[in-house]
Amino acid sequence: NWRNLGYNDKVEIYIEFKNDEEVLPAGKIRIFKNE
């Protein structure tokens, strides 16, 4: 079943950082950009 297979056309944006100082409990994070 390989002919006409659909695909996702969206490219996702990620940000990645290292947690250096404290254990972070699980939770929701909201990101804002100053402009």
Full PDB file with SEQRES, HELIX, SHEET, SSBOND, CRYST1, ORIGX, SCALE, CONECT and MASTER records, all heavy atoms in Angstrom:
SEQRES   1 A   35  ASN TRP ARG ASN LEU GLY TYR ASN ASP LYS VAL GLU ILE          
SEQRES   2 A   35  TYR ILE GLU PHE LYS ASN ASP GLU GLU VAL LEU PRO ALA          
SEQRES   3 A   35  GLY LYS ILE ARG ILE PHE LYS ASN GLU                          
CRYST1    1.000    1.000    1.000  90.00  90.00  90.00 P 1           1          
ORIGX1      1.000000  0.000000  0.000000        0.00000                         
ORIGX2      0.000000  1.000000  0.000000        0.00000                         
ORIGX3      0.000000  0.000000  1.000000        0.00000                         
SCALE1      1.000000  0.000000  0.000000        0.00000                         
SCALE2      0.000000  1.000000  0.000000        0.00000                         
SCALE3      0.000000  0.000000  1.000000        0.00000                         
ATOM      1  N   ASN A   1       0.841  -1.191   0.000  1.00  0.00           N  
ATOM      2  CA  ASN A   1       0.000   0.000   0.000  1.00  0.00           C  
ATOM      3  C   ASN A   1       0.887   1.257   0.000  1.00  0.00           C  
ATOM      4  O   ASN A   1       0.872   2.064   0.918  1.00  0.00           O  
ATOM      5  CB  ASN A   1      -0.911  -0.014   1.235  1.00  0.00           C  
ATOM      6  CG  ASN A   1      -1.854   1.162   1.251  1.00  0.00           C  
ATOM      7  OD1 ASN A   1      -2.284   1.637   0.204  1.00  0.00           O  
ATOM      8  ND2 ASN A   1      -2.175   1.646   2.443  1.00  0.00           N  
ATOM      9  N   TRP A   2       1.655   1.429  -1.052  1.00  0.00           N  
ATOM     10  CA  TRP A   2       2.662   2.482  -1.084  1.00  0.00           C  
ATOM     11  C   TRP A   2       2.352   3.618  -2.057  1.00  0.00           C  
ATOM     12  O   TRP A   2       2.888   4.716  -1.923  1.00  0.00           O  
ATOM     13  CB  TRP A   2       4.023   1.878  -1.453  1.00  0.00           C  
ATOM     14  CG  TRP A   2       4.066   1.310  -2.849  1.00  0.00           C  
ATOM     15  CD1 TRP A   2       3.635   0.083  -3.240  1.00  0.00           C  
ATOM     16  CD2 TRP A   2       4.574   1.959  -4.014  1.00  0.00           C  
ATOM     17  NE1 TRP A   2       3.835  -0.089  -4.583  1.00  0.00           N  
ATOM     18  CE2 TRP A   2       4.421   1.054  -5.088  1.00  0.00           C  
ATOM     19  CE3 TRP A   2       5.134   3.199  -4.269  1.00  0.00           C  
ATOM     20  CZ2 TRP A   2       4.810   1.363  -6.388  1.00  0.00           C  
ATOM     21  CZ3 TRP A   2       5.534   3.513  -5.557  1.00  0.00           C  
ATOM     22  CH2 TRP A   2       5.371   2.602  -6.598  1.00  0.00           C  
ATOM     23  N   ARG A   3       1.445   3.380  -3.006  1.00  0.00           N  
ATOM     24  CA  ARG A   3       1.160   4.428  -4.016  1.00  0.00           C  
ATOM     25  C   ARG A   3       0.290   5.531  -3.420  1.00  0.00           C  
ATOM     26  O   ARG A   3      -0.123   5.709  -3.098  1.00  0.00           O  
ATOM     27  CB  ARG A   3       0.445   3.821  -5.216  1.00  0.00           C  
ATOM     28  CG  ARG A   3       1.274   2.780  -5.927  1.00  0.00           C  
ATOM     29  CD  ARG A   3       0.460   2.112  -7.022  1.00  0.00           C  
ATOM     30  NE  ARG A   3       1.207   1.167  -7.814  1.00  0.00           N  
ATOM     31  CZ  ARG A   3       1.408  -0.096  -7.487  1.00  0.00           C  
ATOM     32  NH1 ARG A   3       0.865  -0.555  -6.351  1.00  0.00           N  
ATOM     33  NH2 ARG A   3       2.131  -0.892  -8.250  1.00  0.00           N  
ATOM     34  N   ASN A   4       0.206   6.599  -3.495  1.00  0.00           N  
ATOM     35  CA  ASN A   4      -0.737   7.616  -2.997  1.00  0.00           C  
ATOM     36  C   ASN A   4      -0.819   7.703  -1.478  1.00  0.00           C  
ATOM     37  O   ASN A   4      -1.872   8.058  -0.943  1.00  0.00           O  
ATOM     38  CB  ASN A   4      -2.153   7.369  -3.560  1.00  0.00           C  
ATOM     39  CG  ASN A   4      -2.177   7.305  -5.071  1.00  0.00           C  
ATOM     40  OD1 ASN A   4      -1.484   8.090  -5.739  1.00  0.00           O  
ATOM     41  ND2 ASN A   4      -2.955   6.380  -5.631  1.00  0.00           N  
ATOM     42  N   LEU A   5       0.240   7.359  -0.785  1.00  0.00           N  
ATOM     43  CA  LEU A   5       0.245   7.566   0.659  1.00  0.00           C  
ATOM     44  C   LEU A   5       0.298   9.062   0.968  1.00  0.00           C  
ATOM     45  O   LEU A   5       1.042   9.817   0.340  1.00  0.00           O  
ATOM     46  CB  LEU A   5       1.455   6.882   1.298  1.00  0.00           C  
ATOM     47  CG  LEU A   5       1.347   5.391   1.643  1.00  0.00           C  
ATOM     48  CD1 LEU A   5       2.639   4.940   2.310  1.00  0.00           C  
ATOM     49  CD2 LEU A   5       0.161   5.132   2.544  1.00  0.00           C  
ATOM     50  N   GLY A   6      -0.513   9.494   1.929  1.00  0.00           N  
ATOM     51  CA  GLY A   6      -0.495  10.901   2.314  1.00  0.00           C  
ATOM     52  C   GLY A   6       0.752  11.248   3.111  1.00  0.00           C  
ATOM     53  O   GLY A   6       1.517  10.378   3.516  1.00  0.00           O  
ATOM     54  N   TYR A   7       0.966  12.522   3.322  1.00  0.00           N  
ATOM     55  CA  TYR A   7       2.124  12.971   4.098  1.00  0.00           C  
ATOM     56  C   TYR A   7       1.763  14.239   4.867  1.00  0.00           C  
ATOM     57  O   TYR A   7       0.793  14.943   4.554  1.00  0.00           O  
ATOM     58  CB  TYR A   7       3.339  13.228   3.187  1.00  0.00           C  
ATOM     59  CG  TYR A   7       3.134  14.336   2.165  1.00  0.00           C  
ATOM     60  CD1 TYR A   7       3.407  15.671   2.493  1.00  0.00           C  
ATOM     61  CD2 TYR A   7       2.674  14.051   0.882  1.00  0.00           C  
ATOM     62  CE1 TYR A   7       3.221  16.678   1.563  1.00  0.00           C  
ATOM     63  CE2 TYR A   7       2.483  15.056  -0.051  1.00  0.00           C  
ATOM     64  CZ  TYR A   7       2.753  16.372   0.288  1.00  0.00           C  
ATOM     65  OH  TYR A   7       2.563  17.376  -0.616  1.00  0.00           O  
ATOM     66  N   ASN A   8       2.542  14.508   5.873  1.00  0.00           N  
ATOM     67  CA  ASN A   8       2.419  15.737   6.643  1.00  0.00           C  
ATOM     68  C   ASN A   8       3.284  16.807   5.981  1.00  0.00           C  
ATOM     69  O   ASN A   8       4.458  16.569   5.701  1.00  0.00           O  
ATOM     70  CB  ASN A   8       2.887  15.477   8.081  1.00  0.00           C  
ATOM     71  CG  ASN A   8       3.124  16.759   8.844  1.00  0.00           C  
ATOM     72  OD1 ASN A   8       2.323  17.676   8.781  1.00  0.00           O  
ATOM     73  ND2 ASN A   8       4.238  16.818   9.570  1.00  0.00           N  
ATOM     74  N   ASP A   9       2.738  17.985   5.738  1.00  0.00           N  
ATOM     75  CA  ASP A   9       3.515  19.033   5.073  1.00  0.00           C  
ATOM     76  C   ASP A   9       4.027  20.099   6.041  1.00  0.00           C  
ATOM     77  O   ASP A   9       4.677  21.060   5.638  1.00  0.00           O  
ATOM     78  CB  ASP A   9       2.688  19.703   3.969  1.00  0.00           C  
ATOM     79  CG  ASP A   9       1.537  20.545   4.508  1.00  0.00           C  
ATOM     80  OD1 ASP A   9       1.138  20.335   5.674  1.00  0.00           O  
ATOM     81  OD2 ASP A   9       1.025  21.402   3.762  1.00  0.00           O  
ATOM     82  N   LYS A  10       3.766  19.923   7.338  1.00  0.00           N  
ATOM     83  CA  LYS A  10       4.095  20.958   8.321  1.00  0.00           C  
ATOM     84  C   LYS A  10       5.476  20.726   8.931  1.00  0.00           C  
ATOM     85  O   LYS A  10       5.829  19.615   9.316  1.00  0.00           O  
ATOM     86  CB  LYS A  10       3.034  21.013   9.416  1.00  0.00           C  
ATOM     87  CG  LYS A  10       1.655  21.403   8.902  1.00  0.00           C  
ATOM     88  CD  LYS A  10       0.625  21.366  10.012  1.00  0.00           C  
ATOM     89  CE  LYS A  10      -0.731  21.844   9.511  1.00  0.00           C  
ATOM     90  NZ  LYS A  10      -1.240  21.008   8.417  1.00  0.00           N  
ATOM     91  N   VAL A  11       6.230  21.790   9.042  1.00  0.00           N  
ATOM     92  CA  VAL A  11       7.529  21.794   9.711  1.00  0.00           C  
ATOM     93  C   VAL A  11       7.339  22.410  11.092  1.00  0.00           C  
ATOM     94  O   VAL A  11       6.791  23.506  11.222  1.00  0.00           O  
ATOM     95  CB  VAL A  11       8.572  22.586   8.899  1.00  0.00           C  
ATOM     96  CG1 VAL A  11       9.884  22.690   9.659  1.00  0.00           C  
ATOM     97  CG2 VAL A  11       8.790  21.925   7.535  1.00  0.00           C  
ATOM     98  N   GLU A  12       7.780  21.705  12.139  1.00  0.00           N  
ATOM     99  CA  GLU A  12       7.609  22.188  13.515  1.00  0.00           C  
ATOM    100  C   GLU A  12       8.799  23.026  13.953  1.00  0.00           C  
ATOM    101  O   GLU A  12       9.930  22.807  13.521  1.00  0.00           O  
ATOM    102  CB  GLU A  12       7.450  21.012  14.481  1.00  0.00           C  
ATOM    103  CG  GLU A  12       6.132  20.277  14.369  1.00  0.00           C  
ATOM    104  CD  GLU A  12       6.002  19.208  15.441  1.00  0.00           C  
ATOM    105  OE1 GLU A  12       6.472  18.089  15.202  1.00  0.00           O  
ATOM    106  OE2 GLU A  12       5.441  19.509  16.513  1.00  0.00           O  
ATOM    107  N   ILE A  13       8.511  23.990  14.840  1.00  0.00           N  
ATOM    108  CA  ILE A  13       9.559  24.794  15.439  1.00  0.00           C  
ATOM    109  C   ILE A  13       9.751  24.323  16.882  1.00  0.00           C  
ATOM    110  O   ILE A  13       8.788  24.201  17.640  1.00  0.00           O  
ATOM    111  CB  ILE A  13       9.222  26.296  15.377  1.00  0.00           C  
ATOM    112  CG1 ILE A  13      10.262  27.128  16.136  1.00  0.00           C  
ATOM    113  CG2 ILE A  13       7.834  26.584  15.938  1.00  0.00           C  
ATOM    114  CD1 ILE A  13      11.603  27.146  15.487  1.00  0.00           C  
ATOM    115  N   TYR A  14      10.989  24.032  17.256  1.00  0.00           N  
ATOM    116  CA  TYR A  14      11.344  23.595  18.602  1.00  0.00           C  
ATOM    117  C   TYR A  14      12.320  24.592  19.217  1.00  0.00           C  
ATOM    118  O   TYR A  14      13.123  25.212  18.505  1.00  0.00           O  
ATOM    119  CB  TYR A  14      12.023  22.226  18.582  1.00  0.00           C  
ATOM    120  CG  TYR A  14      11.114  21.054  18.381  1.00  0.00           C  
ATOM    121  CD1 TYR A  14      10.683  20.696  17.112  1.00  0.00           C  
ATOM    122  CD2 TYR A  14      10.698  20.272  19.460  1.00  0.00           C  
ATOM    123  CE1 TYR A  14       9.853  19.596  16.916  1.00  0.00           C  
ATOM    124  CE2 TYR A  14       9.869  19.173  19.277  1.00  0.00           C  
ATOM    125  CZ  TYR A  14       9.449  18.843  18.005  1.00  0.00           C  
ATOM    126  OH  TYR A  14       8.637  17.751  17.823  1.00  0.00           O  
ATOM    127  N   ILE A  15      12.251  24.726  20.539  1.00  0.00           N  
ATOM    128  CA  ILE A  15      13.349  25.344  21.262  1.00  0.00           C  
ATOM    129  C   ILE A  15      13.869  24.303  22.252  1.00  0.00           C  
ATOM    130  O   ILE A  15      13.099  23.498  22.792  1.00  0.00           O  
ATOM    131  CB  ILE A  15      12.951  26.653  21.977  1.00  0.00           C  
ATOM    132  CG1 ILE A  15      11.867  26.418  23.026  1.00  0.00           C  
ATOM    133  CG2 ILE A  15      12.539  27.713  20.974  1.00  0.00           C  
ATOM    134  CD1 ILE A  15      11.610  27.639  23.898  1.00  0.00           C  
ATOM    135  N   GLU A  16      15.160  24.335  22.483  1.00  0.00           N  
ATOM    136  CA  GLU A  16      15.803  23.314  23.328  1.00  0.00           C  
ATOM    137  C   GLU A  16      16.807  23.987  24.248  1.00  0.00           C  
ATOM    138  O   GLU A  16      17.585  24.841  23.817  1.00  0.00           O  
ATOM    139  CB  GLU A  16      16.490  22.279  22.435  1.00  0.00           C  
ATOM    140  CG  GLU A  16      17.118  21.116  23.175  1.00  0.00           C  
ATOM    141  CD  GLU A  16      17.667  20.078  22.199  1.00  0.00           C  
ATOM    142  OE1 GLU A  16      16.868  19.453  21.500  1.00  0.00           O  
ATOM    143  OE2 GLU A  16      18.909  19.924  22.146  1.00  0.00           O  
ATOM    144  N   PHE A  17      16.762  23.630  25.535  1.00  0.00           N  
ATOM    145  CA  PHE A  17      17.728  24.164  26.483  1.00  0.00           C  
ATOM    146  C   PHE A  17      18.055  23.106  27.525  1.00  0.00           C  
ATOM    147  O   PHE A  17      17.288  22.170  27.758  1.00  0.00           O  
ATOM    148  CB  PHE A  17      17.219  25.441  27.154  1.00  0.00           C  
ATOM    149  CG  PHE A  17      15.976  25.267  27.992  1.00  0.00           C  
ATOM    150  CD1 PHE A  17      16.048  24.975  29.342  1.00  0.00           C  
ATOM    151  CD2 PHE A  17      14.717  25.424  27.422  1.00  0.00           C  
ATOM    152  CE1 PHE A  17      14.911  24.817  30.105  1.00  0.00           C  
ATOM    153  CE2 PHE A  17      13.563  25.280  28.185  1.00  0.00           C  
ATOM    154  CZ  PHE A  17      13.663  24.978  29.532  1.00  0.00           C  
ATOM    155  N   LYS A  18      19.208  23.263  28.175  1.00  0.00           N  
ATOM    156  CA  LYS A  18      19.656  22.315  29.187  1.00  0.00           C  
ATOM    157  C   LYS A  18      19.265  22.816  30.574  1.00  0.00           C  
ATOM    158  O   LYS A  18      19.463  23.991  30.894  1.00  0.00           O  
ATOM    159  CB  LYS A  18      21.173  22.130  29.099  1.00  0.00           C  
ATOM    160  CG  LYS A  18      21.710  21.030  29.998  1.00  0.00           C  
ATOM    161  CD  LYS A  18      23.211  20.855  29.810  1.00  0.00           C  
ATOM    162  CE  LYS A  18      23.755  19.746  30.697  1.00  0.00           C  
ATOM    163  NZ  LYS A  18      25.216  19.575  30.526  1.00  0.00           N  
ATOM    164  N   ASN A  19      18.703  21.919  31.370  1.00  0.00           N  
ATOM    165  CA  ASN A  19      18.328  22.249  32.740  1.00  0.00           C  
ATOM    166  C   ASN A  19      19.551  22.062  33.639  1.00  0.00           C  
ATOM    167  O   ASN A  19      19.915  20.942  33.988  1.00  0.00           O  
ATOM    168  CB  ASN A  19      17.173  21.360  33.206  1.00  0.00           C  
ATOM    169  CG  ASN A  19      16.784  21.624  34.634  1.00  0.00           C  
ATOM    170  OD1 ASN A  19      16.845  22.756  35.108  1.00  0.00           O  
ATOM    171  ND2 ASN A  19      16.391  20.579  35.337  1.00  0.00           N  
ATOM    172  N   ASP A  20      20.183  23.167  34.030  1.00  0.00           N  
ATOM    173  CA  ASP A  20      21.468  23.094  34.718  1.00  0.00           C  
ATOM    174  C   ASP A  20      21.387  23.137  36.236  1.00  0.00           C  
ATOM    175  O   ASP A  20      22.288  22.632  36.905  1.00  0.00           O  
ATOM    176  CB  ASP A  20      22.372  24.250  34.257  1.00  0.00           C  
ATOM    177  CG  ASP A  20      22.933  24.020  32.867  1.00  0.00           C  
ATOM    178  OD1 ASP A  20      23.183  22.857  32.529  1.00  0.00           O  
ATOM    179  OD2 ASP A  20      23.109  25.003  32.132  1.00  0.00           O  
ATOM    180  N   GLU A  21      20.339  23.754  36.818  1.00  0.00           N  
ATOM    181  CA  GLU A  21      20.417  24.112  38.227  1.00  0.00           C  
ATOM    182  C   GLU A  21      19.460  23.364  39.150  1.00  0.00           C  
ATOM    183  O   GLU A  21      19.839  22.942  40.234  1.00  0.00           O  
ATOM    184  CB  GLU A  21      20.198  25.611  38.394  1.00  0.00           C  
ATOM    185  CG  GLU A  21      21.317  26.444  37.777  1.00  0.00           C  
ATOM    186  CD  GLU A  21      21.191  27.905  38.132  1.00  0.00           C  
ATOM    187  OE1 GLU A  21      20.204  28.275  38.801  1.00  0.00           O  
ATOM    188  OE2 GLU A  21      22.076  28.675  37.735  1.00  0.00           O  
ATOM    189  N   GLU A  22      18.191  23.216  38.775  1.00  0.00           N  
ATOM    190  CA  GLU A  22      17.206  22.647  39.684  1.00  0.00           C  
ATOM    191  C   GLU A  22      16.356  21.609  38.961  1.00  0.00           C  
ATOM    192  O   GLU A  22      16.141  21.708  37.759  1.00  0.00           O  
ATOM    193  CB  GLU A  22      16.270  23.731  40.243  1.00  0.00           C  
ATOM    194  CG  GLU A  22      16.953  24.772  41.103  1.00  0.00           C  
ATOM    195  CD  GLU A  22      15.950  25.760  41.673  1.00  0.00           C  
ATOM    196  OE1 GLU A  22      14.782  25.377  41.873  1.00  0.00           O  
ATOM    197  OE2 GLU A  22      16.330  26.915  41.907  1.00  0.00           O  
ATOM    198  N   VAL A  23      15.879  20.628  39.724  1.00  0.00           N  
ATOM    199  CA  VAL A  23      14.917  19.681  39.165  1.00  0.00           C  
ATOM    200  C   VAL A  23      13.629  20.433  38.837  1.00  0.00           C  
ATOM    201  O   VAL A  23      13.131  21.209  39.657  1.00  0.00           O  
ATOM    202  CB  VAL A  23      14.623  18.553  40.168  1.00  0.00           C  
ATOM    203  CG1 VAL A  23      13.491  17.673  39.667  1.00  0.00           C  
ATOM    204  CG2 VAL A  23      15.870  17.718  40.398  1.00  0.00           C  
ATOM    205  N   LEU A  24      13.098  20.207  37.647  1.00  0.00           N  
ATOM    206  CA  LEU A  24      11.861  20.864  37.225  1.00  0.00           C  
ATOM    207  C   LEU A  24      10.718  19.865  37.268  1.00  0.00           C  
ATOM    208  O   LEU A  24      10.731  18.874  36.537  1.00  0.00           O  
ATOM    209  CB  LEU A  24      12.005  21.428  35.808  1.00  0.00           C  
ATOM    210  CG  LEU A  24      13.114  22.452  35.593  1.00  0.00           C  
ATOM    211  CD1 LEU A  24      13.148  22.885  34.132  1.00  0.00           C  
ATOM    212  CD2 LEU A  24      12.930  23.667  36.495  1.00  0.00           C  
ATOM    213  N   PRO A  25       9.708  20.091  38.119  1.00  0.00           N  
ATOM    214  CA  PRO A  25       8.540  19.201  38.099  1.00  0.00           C  
ATOM    215  C   PRO A  25       7.757  19.374  36.806  1.00  0.00           C  
ATOM    216  O   PRO A  25       7.799  20.432  36.172  1.00  0.00           O  
ATOM    217  CB  PRO A  25       7.721  19.657  39.319  1.00  0.00           C  
ATOM    218  CG  PRO A  25       8.173  21.053  39.587  1.00  0.00           C  
ATOM    219  CD  PRO A  25       9.596  21.144  39.147  1.00  0.00           C  
ATOM    220  N   ALA A  26       7.043  18.333  36.406  1.00  0.00           N  
ATOM    221  CA  ALA A  26       6.271  18.375  35.160  1.00  0.00           C  
ATOM    222  C   ALA A  26       5.217  19.466  35.237  1.00  0.00           C  
ATOM    223  O   ALA A  26       4.631  19.723  36.290  1.00  0.00           O  
ATOM    224  CB  ALA A  26       5.614  17.022  34.909  1.00  0.00           C  
ATOM    225  N   GLY A  27       4.959  20.104  34.119  1.00  0.00           N  
ATOM    226  CA  GLY A  27       3.943  21.157  34.087  1.00  0.00           C  
ATOM    227  C   GLY A  27       3.844  21.806  32.734  1.00  0.00           C  
ATOM    228  O   GLY A  27       4.618  21.514  31.818  1.00  0.00           O  
ATOM    229  N   LYS A  28       2.883  22.693  32.611  1.00  0.00           N  
ATOM    230  CA  LYS A  28       2.674  23.420  31.360  1.00  0.00           C  
ATOM    231  C   LYS A  28       3.600  24.628  31.302  1.00  0.00           C  
ATOM    232  O   LYS A  28       3.797  25.313  32.297  1.00  0.00           O  
ATOM    233  CB  LYS A  28       1.220  23.875  31.241  1.00  0.00           C  
ATOM    234  CG  LYS A  28       0.899  24.574  29.917  1.00  0.00           C  
ATOM    235  CD  LYS A  28      -0.598  24.780  29.745  1.00  0.00           C  
ATOM    236  CE  LYS A  28      -1.139  25.805  30.703  1.00  0.00           C  
ATOM    237  NZ  LYS A  28      -2.573  26.100  30.434  1.00  0.00           N  
ATOM    238  N   ILE A  29       4.159  24.854  30.118  1.00  0.00           N  
ATOM    239  CA  ILE A  29       5.043  26.002  29.930  1.00  0.00           C  
ATOM    240  C   ILE A  29       4.522  26.834  28.763  1.00  0.00           C  
ATOM    241  O   ILE A  29       4.184  26.297  27.706  1.00  0.00           O  
ATOM    242  CB  ILE A  29       6.503  25.553  29.692  1.00  0.00           C  
ATOM    243  CG1 ILE A  29       7.421  26.763  29.506  1.00  0.00           C  
ATOM    244  CG2 ILE A  29       6.627  24.589  28.534  1.00  0.00           C  
ATOM    245  CD1 ILE A  29       8.898  26.413  29.524  1.00  0.00           C  
ATOM    246  N   ARG A  30       4.414  28.123  28.993  1.00  0.00           N  
ATOM    247  CA  ARG A  30       3.969  29.067  27.960  1.00  0.00           C  
ATOM    248  C   ARG A  30       5.132  29.983  27.612  1.00  0.00           C  
ATOM    249  O   ARG A  30       5.808  30.504  28.499  1.00  0.00           O  
ATOM    250  CB  ARG A  30       2.767  29.886  28.447  1.00  0.00           C  
ATOM    251  CG  ARG A  30       1.634  29.042  28.993  1.00  0.00           C  
ATOM    252  CD  ARG A  30       0.429  29.906  29.349  1.00  0.00           C  
ATOM    253  NE  ARG A  30      -0.302  30.275  28.145  1.00  0.00           N  
ATOM    254  CZ  ARG A  30      -1.119  31.344  28.067  1.00  0.00           C  
ATOM    255  NH1 ARG A  30      -1.245  32.138  29.099  1.00  0.00           N  
ATOM    256  NH2 ARG A  30      -1.764  31.594  26.955  1.00  0.00           N  
ATOM    257  N   ILE A  31       5.362  30.167  26.305  1.00  0.00           N  
ATOM    258  CA  ILE A  31       6.501  30.952  25.838  1.00  0.00           C  
ATOM    259  C   ILE A  31       6.001  32.227  25.151  1.00  0.00           C  
ATOM    260  O   ILE A  31       5.108  32.185  24.302  1.00  0.00           O  
ATOM    261  CB  ILE A  31       7.374  30.141  24.867  1.00  0.00           C  
ATOM    262  CG1 ILE A  31       7.831  28.832  25.518  1.00  0.00           C  
ATOM    263  CG2 ILE A  31       8.581  30.967  24.423  1.00  0.00           C  
ATOM    264  CD1 ILE A  31       8.724  29.010  26.709  1.00  0.00           C  
ATOM    265  N   PHE A  32       6.612  33.360  25.539  1.00  0.00           N  
ATOM    266  CA  PHE A  32       6.316  34.657  24.941  1.00  0.00           C  
ATOM    267  C   PHE A  32       7.602  35.219  24.326  1.00  0.00           C  
ATOM    268  O   PHE A  32       8.702  34.873  24.743  1.00  0.00           O  
ATOM    269  CB  PHE A  32       5.786  35.635  25.991  1.00  0.00           C  
ATOM    270  CG  PHE A  32       4.451  35.246  26.569  1.00  0.00           C  
ATOM    271  CD1 PHE A  32       4.370  34.313  27.595  1.00  0.00           C  
ATOM    272  CD2 PHE A  32       3.281  35.812  26.094  1.00  0.00           C  
ATOM    273  CE1 PHE A  32       3.142  33.948  28.125  1.00  0.00           C  
ATOM    274  CE2 PHE A  32       2.049  35.450  26.619  1.00  0.00           C  
ATOM    275  CZ  PHE A  32       1.980  34.519  27.642  1.00  0.00           C  
ATOM    276  N   LYS A  33       7.406  36.094  23.351  1.00  0.00           N  
ATOM    277  CA  LYS A  33       8.540  36.749  22.705  1.00  0.00           C  
ATOM    278  C   LYS A  33       8.323  38.254  22.765  1.00  0.00           C  
ATOM    279  O   LYS A  33       7.255  38.747  22.396  1.00  0.00           O  
ATOM    280  CB  LYS A  33       8.672  36.287  21.246  1.00  0.00           C  
ATOM    281  CG  LYS A  33       9.836  36.898  20.492  1.00  0.00           C  
ATOM    282  CD  LYS A  33       9.928  36.323  19.087  1.00  0.00           C  
ATOM    283  CE  LYS A  33      11.106  36.885  18.320  1.00  0.00           C  
ATOM    284  NZ  LYS A  33      10.954  38.324  18.020  1.00  0.00           N  
ATOM    285  N   ASN A  34       9.323  38.965  23.276  1.00  0.00           N  
ATOM    286  CA  ASN A  34       9.239  40.420  23.354  1.00  0.00           C  
ATOM    287  C   ASN A  34       9.574  41.035  22.004  1.00  0.00           C  
ATOM    288  O   ASN A  34      10.622  40.753  21.429  1.00  0.00           O  
ATOM    289  CB  ASN A  34      10.192  40.963  24.420  1.00  0.00           C  
ATOM    290  CG  ASN A  34       9.770  40.547  25.817  1.00  0.00           C  
ATOM    291  OD1 ASN A  34       8.578  40.417  26.104  1.00  0.00           O  
ATOM    292  ND2 ASN A  34      10.739  40.339  26.691  1.00  0.00           N  
ATOM    293  N   GLU A  35       8.661  41.851  21.508  1.00  0.00           N  
ATOM    294  CA  GLU A  35       8.873  42.470  20.202  1.00  0.00           C  
ATOM    295  C   GLU A  35       8.148  43.802  20.137  1.00  0.00           C  
ATOM    296  O   GLU A  35       6.933  43.878  20.384  1.00  0.00           O  
ATOM    297  CB  GLU A  35       8.368  41.541  19.095  1.00  0.00           C  
ATOM    298  CG  GLU A  35       8.747  42.006  17.700  1.00  0.00           C  
ATOM    299  CD  GLU A  35       8.494  40.936  16.650  1.00  0.00           C  
ATOM    300  OE1 GLU A  35       8.692  39.741  16.962  1.00  0.00           O  
ATOM    301  OE2 GLU A  35       8.113  41.304  15.533  1.00  0.00           O  
TER     302      GLU A  35                                                      
MASTER        0    0    0    0    0    0    0    6  301    1    0    3          
END                                                                             
